[in-house]
């Protein structure tokens, strides 16, 4: 008997309004944050948001939603590598 794999398609939405408000769906967790960088674990990889005066306005892990406000400079995906793996030893033994 053949085993069938059911692949659940992962969806994610990023909505950036005037570089001041970012709404993200598909968020699993927030790994770390401060007023200049927010690192979120999403269904499609690690999302790194950089800016100034950043703050998390809403985080709902039940609905997988994150809302960030502040001066947003960049959005970057980093597949598989977390901030912890980029430590001194993480870079050294890459």
Protein backbone atom coordinates (compact mmCIF):
# COMPACT_ATOMS: atom_id res chain seq x y z
CA UNK A 1 0.00 0.00 0.00
CA UNK A 2 1.41 3.38 -0.99
CA UNK A 3 1.73 6.02 1.63
CA UNK A 4 0.36 9.38 0.54
CA UNK A 5 1.87 12.55 1.88
CA UNK A 6 -0.45 15.43 2.49
CA UNK A 7 1.45 18.66 2.21
CA UNK A 8 -0.20 21.60 3.87
CA UNK A 9 0.47 24.74 1.89
CA UNK A 10 1.90 27.49 4.04
CA UNK A 11 0.52 30.96 3.49
CA UNK A 12 1.90 34.22 4.71
CA UNK A 13 0.95 37.83 4.22
CA UNK A 14 3.07 40.90 4.84
CA UNK A 15 1.31 44.26 4.64
CA UNK A 16 3.50 47.33 5.02
CA UNK A 17 1.73 50.67 5.43
CA UNK A 18 3.79 53.83 4.79
CA UNK A 19 6.90 52.13 6.22
CA UNK A 20 5.39 52.71 9.68
CA UNK A 21 3.15 49.69 10.29
CA UNK A 22 3.75 46.05 9.35
CA UNK A 23 1.09 43.35 9.63
CA UNK A 24 2.39 39.78 9.33
CA UNK A 25 0.44 36.52 9.28
CA UNK A 26 1.91 33.04 9.63
CA UNK A 27 3.94 33.97 12.72
CA UNK A 28 4.87 31.07 14.99
CA UNK A 29 6.93 32.94 17.59
CA UNK A 30 9.01 36.07 18.21
CA UNK A 31 12.58 35.02 18.96
CA UNK A 32 13.90 38.40 20.06
CA UNK A 33 13.17 42.08 19.76
CA UNK A 34 14.33 45.55 20.70
CA UNK A 35 13.68 49.01 19.29
CA UNK A 36 15.95 48.41 16.26
CA UNK A 37 15.35 44.76 15.27
CA UNK A 38 12.58 42.19 15.58
CA UNK A 39 13.25 38.53 14.75
CA UNK A 40 10.11 36.47 14.15
CA UNK A 41 9.82 32.76 13.41
CA UNK A 42 7.28 32.31 10.62
CA UNK A 43 5.90 29.41 8.63
CA UNK A 44 8.13 30.43 5.72
CA UNK A 45 11.37 31.09 7.62
CA UNK A 46 12.95 33.58 9.97
CA UNK A 47 11.76 37.15 9.32
CA UNK A 48 14.08 39.96 10.39
CA UNK A 49 12.60 43.45 10.60
CA UNK A 50 15.04 46.34 11.01
CA UNK A 51 14.23 49.93 11.82
CA UNK A 52 14.06 52.56 14.54
CA UNK A 53 11.66 52.94 17.45
CA UNK A 54 10.16 49.53 16.63
CA UNK A 55 7.58 48.07 18.97
CA UNK A 56 5.22 45.14 18.84
CA UNK A 57 1.68 46.46 18.84
CA UNK A 58 0.02 43.04 18.68
CA UNK A 59 1.20 39.44 18.91
CA UNK A 60 -1.44 36.72 18.76
CA UNK A 61 0.03 33.24 18.42
CA UNK A 62 -3.44 31.68 18.29
CA UNK A 63 -4.17 33.48 15.00
CA UNK A 64 -0.46 33.64 14.01
CA UNK A 65 -0.59 37.43 13.66
CA UNK A 66 2.03 40.08 14.42
CA UNK A 67 1.71 43.86 14.11
CA UNK A 68 4.83 46.01 14.32
CA UNK A 69 4.92 49.81 14.42
CA UNK A 70 7.84 52.21 14.08
CA UNK A 71 10.19 53.40 11.34
CA UNK A 72 10.69 50.25 9.24
CA UNK A 73 13.89 50.18 7.16
CA UNK A 74 14.11 46.60 5.90
CA UNK A 75 12.50 43.16 5.84
CA UNK A 76 14.71 40.10 5.40
CA UNK A 77 14.09 36.36 5.33
CA UNK A 78 16.71 34.03 6.71
CA UNK A 79 15.88 30.39 6.00
CA UNK A 80 16.71 28.09 8.87
CA UNK A 81 19.27 30.18 10.73
CA UNK A 82 18.19 31.82 13.95
CA UNK A 83 19.90 34.66 15.73
CA UNK A 84 21.30 32.18 18.25
CA UNK A 85 23.09 30.23 15.51
CA UNK A 86 24.80 33.45 14.42
CA UNK A 87 26.70 33.73 17.67
CA UNK A 88 30.48 33.83 17.71
CA UNK A 89 30.75 30.04 17.66
CA UNK A 90 27.92 29.75 15.13
CA UNK A 91 29.89 31.91 12.69
CA UNK A 92 33.19 30.21 13.51
CA UNK A 93 31.96 26.67 12.82
CA UNK A 94 29.83 27.49 9.81
